[in-house]
Amino acid sequence: MSAPSTTSAPPSAGPPVPAAAVVAAVKSYGSGDASVRALDGVTVVFERSRFTAIMGPSGSGKSTLLHCLAGLDTLTSGDARLGEQSLTGLSEKRLTLLRRDRMGFVFQAFNLLPTLTAAENIRLPLDLAGRSLDREWFDTVVRAVGLADRLDHTPAQLSGGQQQRVAAARALVTRPEIVFADEPTGALDSRSGADLLAFLRRAVDEFGQTIVMVTHDPVAAAHADRVVFLADGRIRDELSAPTTDAVLDAMKRLGN
């Protein structure tokens, strides 16, 4: 009598690959007695299609963490990853290509070219990469940031809030895997800051964008899905579905 046939279960797909991560990340500046450890063994994962805020006191390592995640700075030891790609040991040319092709950036300084119109500034990453414009996606992003009637204006003809929205649209026009935002509302008034944060929130909810934002502002952090708190180069706390009051309480605990 033949043995009964068996069918093996399909292999598990396993957990999804995160958008970005650092593992045992150490970043030191200087040497000897003057050495400063900005990151002290940090391990943290950033999931896809989520909005994560990074907070902490001045000197906590939050901007250093962002810069190492984005390949703008290199770790002393440990590993930084973009999806399945390790950034460790990559040449500057390879890192430049990764940043151009797979990342978007929004900084406190708008970094717009003054001689280009808003439309030209938004398209700039595509032009530099020699990529064609997806007109439908461009129009979607422009509508989302409310700039349809300002595309022919140069930065000097735009308010600070409008300039930052141009920068945010530029970060999204390439459909990056992840957007890194470093104090993006720091130079804006409260109304312009609220408009920008609402756009970033929409980018996650409607477009499935992944955003990692450094901020010192509890109101800004409350727009995120998750807040990671650093102090002295280490992860000290974390909040999901944060509120402004919960973020303030967590920052007070860090201070104590």
Protein backbone atom coordinates (compact mmCIF):
# COMPACT_ATOMS: atom_id res chain seq x y z
CA MET A 1 0.00 0.00 0.00
CA SER A 2 1.47 3.31 -1.01
CA ALA A 3 2.00 6.01 1.56
CA PRO A 4 -0.55 8.81 1.55
CA SER A 5 0.53 11.85 -0.39
CA THR A 6 1.37 14.95 1.58
CA THR A 7 1.54 18.58 0.59
CA SER A 8 3.81 20.96 2.38
CA ALA A 9 2.51 24.30 3.55
CA PRO A 10 3.69 27.25 1.50
CA PRO A 11 6.69 28.98 3.04
CA SER A 12 5.86 31.94 5.23
CA ALA A 13 6.49 35.29 3.61
CA GLY A 14 7.88 36.52 6.91
CA PRO A 15 7.56 40.04 8.29
CA PRO A 16 7.63 42.87 5.76
CA VAL A 17 10.98 44.54 5.16
CA PRO A 18 11.02 47.91 6.94
CA ALA A 19 11.51 51.12 4.99
CA ALA A 20 14.63 51.94 7.00
CA ALA A 21 16.42 50.81 10.13
CA VAL A 22 19.56 51.15 12.20
CA VAL A 23 21.03 48.26 14.17
CA ALA A 24 23.44 48.78 17.10
CA ALA A 25 24.19 52.21 15.67
CA VAL A 26 27.10 54.09 17.20
CA LYS A 27 28.23 57.51 16.00
CA SER A 28 31.19 59.17 17.70
CA TYR A 29 32.80 62.52 16.94
CA GLY A 30 36.33 63.41 17.95
CA SER A 31 38.79 61.14 19.70
CA GLY A 32 40.28 60.47 23.11
CA ASP A 33 39.00 62.60 25.97
CA ALA A 34 37.29 64.92 23.46
CA SER A 35 35.21 62.09 21.95
CA VAL A 36 31.44 62.59 21.93
CA ARG A 37 29.11 59.66 21.32
CA ALA A 38 26.07 61.10 19.53
CA LEU A 39 24.47 57.66 19.03
CA ASP A 40 25.11 54.97 21.63
CA GLY A 41 23.97 51.59 20.35
CA VAL A 42 20.63 52.60 18.82
CA THR A 43 18.44 49.97 17.18
CA VAL A 44 15.17 51.18 15.68
CA VAL A 45 12.97 50.18 12.73
CA PHE A 46 10.81 52.48 10.60
CA GLU A 47 7.84 50.73 9.00
CA ARG A 48 6.56 51.45 5.50
CA SER A 49 3.59 53.77 4.94
CA ARG A 50 3.86 55.24 8.42
CA PHE A 51 4.71 58.68 9.77
CA THR A 52 7.33 58.56 12.54
CA ALA A 53 8.56 61.54 14.53
CA ILE A 54 11.93 61.57 16.31
CA MET A 55 12.16 63.81 19.37
CA GLY A 56 14.56 64.53 22.18
CA PRO A 57 16.39 67.32 23.97
CA SER A 58 19.06 69.35 22.21
CA GLY A 59 22.10 67.14 21.71
CA SER A 60 20.09 63.92 22.10
CA GLY A 61 21.23 62.55 18.73
CA LYS A 62 17.97 62.91 16.81
CA SER A 63 19.40 64.78 13.81
CA THR A 64 22.46 62.52 13.80
CA LEU A 65 20.14 59.51 13.62
CA LEU A 66 18.24 61.03 10.70
CA HIS A 67 21.43 61.89 8.83
CA CYS A 68 22.85 58.38 9.28
CA LEU A 69 19.56 56.80 8.15
CA ALA A 70 19.69 58.96 5.02
CA GLY A 71 23.32 58.26 4.23
CA LEU A 72 24.24 61.90 4.82
CA ASP A 73 26.59 60.79 7.60
CA THR A 74 28.28 57.46 8.29
CA LEU A 75 28.09 55.38 11.45
CA THR A 76 31.17 54.66 13.53
CA SER A 77 29.85 51.12 13.99
CA GLY A 78 26.59 49.25 13.48
CA ASP A 79 24.47 49.28 10.37
CA ALA A 80 22.00 51.62 8.66
CA ARG A 81 19.63 50.12 6.11
CA LEU A 82 17.30 51.39 3.41
CA GLY A 83 14.90 48.52 2.84
CA GLU A 84 17.15 45.49 2.27
CA GLN A 85 20.12 47.66 1.26
CA SER A 86 22.85 48.22 3.84
CA LEU A 87 24.42 51.68 3.61
CA THR A 88 27.56 50.53 5.40
CA GLY A 89 30.66 50.74 3.24
CA LEU A 90 28.93 52.22 0.19
CA SER A 91 30.88 54.73 -1.86
CA GLU A 92 29.77 58.36 -1.88
CA LYS A 93 28.71 57.94 -5.50
CA ARG A 94 26.47 54.98 -4.61
CA LEU A 95 25.02 56.85 -1.64
CA THR A 96 24.31 59.86 -3.85
CA LEU A 97 22.41 57.65 -6.30
CA LEU A 98 20.42 56.04 -3.47
CA ARG A 99 19.46 59.43 -2.09
CA ARG A 100 18.49 60.68 -5.54
CA ASP A 101 16.51 57.63 -6.63
CA ARG A 102 14.96 56.30 -3.41
CA MET A 103 14.74 59.13 -0.87
CA GLY A 104 13.08 62.52 -0.53
CA PHE A 105 14.18 65.35 1.76
CA VAL A 106 12.50 68.32 3.44
CA PHE A 107 14.71 70.50 5.61
CA GLN A 108 14.14 73.61 7.72
CA ALA A 109 15.93 75.63 5.02
CA PHE A 110 13.81 75.40 1.89
CA ASN A 111 16.83 74.91 -0.42
CA LEU A 112 15.00 76.19 -3.51
CA LEU A 113 16.89 77.56 -6.50
CA PRO A 114 15.98 81.25 -6.72
CA THR A 115 16.10 81.47 -10.52
CA LEU A 116 13.66 78.58 -11.06
CA THR A 117 9.88 78.72 -10.84
CA ALA A 118 7.97 76.62 -8.33
CA ALA A 119 7.19 74.08 -11.05
CA GLU A 120 10.85 73.91 -12.10
CA ASN A 121 11.99 73.48 -8.49
CA ILE A 122 9.50 70.64 -7.98
CA ARG A 123 10.66 68.90 -11.17
CA LEU A 124 14.36 69.40 -10.40
CA PRO A 125 15.10 65.91 -8.94
CA LEU A 126 13.57 64.30 -12.03
CA ASP A 127 15.54 66.57 -14.36
CA LEU A 128 18.81 65.83 -12.55
CA ALA A 129 18.14 62.08 -12.75
CA GLY A 130 17.12 62.25 -16.42
CA ARG A 131 13.71 60.82 -15.58
CA SER A 132 10.51 61.71 -17.39
CA LEU A 133 7.72 63.56 -15.61
CA ASP A 134 4.62 61.62 -14.63
CA ARG A 135 2.19 64.46 -15.29
CA GLU A 136 -0.72 62.86 -13.46
CA TRP A 137 1.36 62.32 -10.32
CA PHE A 138 2.86 65.82 -10.58
CA ASP A 139 -0.64 67.33 -10.76
CA THR A 140 -1.76 65.19 -7.81
CA VAL A 141 1.11 66.39 -5.64
CA VAL A 142 0.66 70.03 -6.69
CA ARG A 143 -3.04 69.90 -5.84
CA ALA A 144 -2.28 68.26 -2.50
CA VAL A 145 0.02 71.12 -1.47
CA GLY A 146 -2.30 73.80 -2.88
CA LEU A 147 0.19 75.29 -5.34
CA ALA A 148 -1.69 75.03 -8.63
CA ASP A 149 -1.93 78.82 -8.96
CA ARG A 150 1.70 79.47 -7.91
CA LEU A 151 3.64 77.24 -10.29
CA ASP A 152 4.97 80.11 -12.41
CA HIS A 153 6.21 82.07 -9.38
CA THR A 154 9.85 82.15 -8.28
CA PRO A 155 10.73 81.61 -4.59
CA ALA A 156 11.03 85.37 -4.02
CA GLN A 157 7.36 85.69 -5.04
CA LEU A 158 6.22 83.04 -2.55
CA SER A 159 5.63 83.15 1.20
CA GLY A 160 7.74 81.01 3.52
CA GLY A 161 4.92 78.52 3.87
CA GLN A 162 4.50 78.29 0.11
CA GLN A 163 8.24 77.79 -0.36
CA GLN A 164 8.23 74.92 2.14
CA ARG A 165 5.27 73.34 0.34
CA VAL A 166 7.28 73.55 -2.90
CA ALA A 167 10.09 71.73 -1.08
CA ALA A 168 7.64 69.09 0.17
CA ALA A 169 6.22 68.59 -3.32
CA ARG A 170 9.77 68.26 -4.67
CA ALA A 171 10.42 65.53 -2.08
CA LEU A 172 7.39 63.54 -3.24
CA VAL A 173 7.49 64.02 -7.01
CA THR A 174 9.97 61.17 -7.47
CA ARG A 175 7.73 58.76 -5.48
CA PRO A 176 10.55 57.99 -3.03
CA GLU A 177 10.55 54.98 -0.75
CA ILE A 178 10.98 57.29 2.23
CA VAL A 179 10.94 61.02 2.99
CA PHE A 180 13.27 62.41 5.65
CA ALA A 181 12.14 65.72 7.17
CA ASP A 182 14.46 67.62 9.54
CA GLU A 183 12.57 70.30 11.51
CA PRO A 184 10.43 71.08 8.43
CA THR A 185 8.19 73.55 10.31
CA GLY A 186 11.03 75.28 12.18
CA ALA A 187 11.06 78.37 9.95
CA LEU A 188 7.29 78.62 9.51
CA ASP A 189 4.52 80.46 11.32
CA SER A 190 1.90 78.33 13.05
CA ARG A 191 -0.61 78.44 10.17
CA SER A 192 1.97 77.54 7.51
CA GLY A 193 3.37 74.82 9.75
CA ALA A 194 -0.08 73.33 10.25
CA ASP A 195 -0.67 73.33 6.48
CA LEU A 196 2.62 71.52 5.85
CA LEU A 197 1.96 68.91 8.55
CA ALA A 198 -1.53 68.29 7.17
CA PHE A 199 0.04 67.65 3.76
CA LEU A 200 2.60 65.22 5.21
CA ARG A 201 -0.21 63.40 7.01
CA ARG A 202 -2.18 63.15 3.74
CA ALA A 203 0.89 61.86 1.94
CA VAL A 204 0.97 58.91 4.34
CA ASP A 205 -2.79 58.28 4.48
CA GLU A 206 -3.62 58.76 0.80
CA PHE A 207 -0.39 57.98 -1.05
CA GLY A 208 1.16 55.39 1.28
CA GLN A 209 4.27 57.51 1.77
CA THR A 210 6.78 56.72 4.52
CA ILE A 211 7.95 59.76 6.49
CA VAL A 212 10.56 60.10 9.23
CA MET A 213 10.60 63.57 10.80
CA VAL A 214 12.85 65.14 13.40
CA THR A 215 11.04 67.80 15.40
CA HIS A 216 11.17 69.57 18.75
CA ASP A 217 7.48 70.56 18.51
CA PRO A 218 4.92 68.37 20.37
CA VAL A 219 2.13 69.69 18.11
CA ALA A 220 4.05 68.59 15.02
CA ALA A 221 4.84 65.19 16.57
CA ALA A 222 1.14 64.62 17.26
CA HIS A 223 0.55 64.38 13.49
CA ALA A 224 2.67 61.22 13.40
CA ASP A 225 1.64 57.61 13.91
CA ARG A 226 4.53 57.05 16.28
CA VAL A 227 7.07 59.08 18.23
CA VAL A 228 10.54 57.79 19.14
CA PHE A 229 12.31 59.67 21.95
CA LEU A 230 16.10 59.93 22.26
CA ALA A 231 18.26 61.21 25.08
CA ASP A 232 22.03 60.98 25.40
CA GLY A 233 22.22 59.05 22.14
CA ARG A 234 19.87 56.26 23.22
CA ILE A 235 16.21 55.38 22.65
CA ARG A 236 14.42 56.23 25.90
CA ASP A 237 10.71 56.02 25.10
CA GLU A 238 8.16 55.51 22.34
CA LEU A 239 4.53 56.48 21.76
CA SER A 240 1.94 55.18 19.31
CA ALA A 241 -1.02 57.33 18.17
CA PRO A 242 0.47 60.30 20.04
CA THR A 243 -1.40 63.33 21.28
CA THR A 244 0.19 66.68 22.03
CA ASP A 245 -0.33 66.19 25.77
CA ALA A 246 1.14 62.67 25.70
CA VAL A 247 4.20 63.96 23.85
CA LEU A 248 4.63 66.79 26.35
CA ASP A 249 4.41 64.32 29.25
CA ALA A 250 7.02 62.08 27.64
CA MET A 251 9.37 65.02 27.09
CA LYS A 252 8.96 66.01 30.75
CA ARG A 253 9.90 62.50 31.82
CA LEU A 254 13.01 62.71 29.66
CA GLY A 255 13.90 66.00 31.31
CA ASN A 256 13.67 64.38 34.72
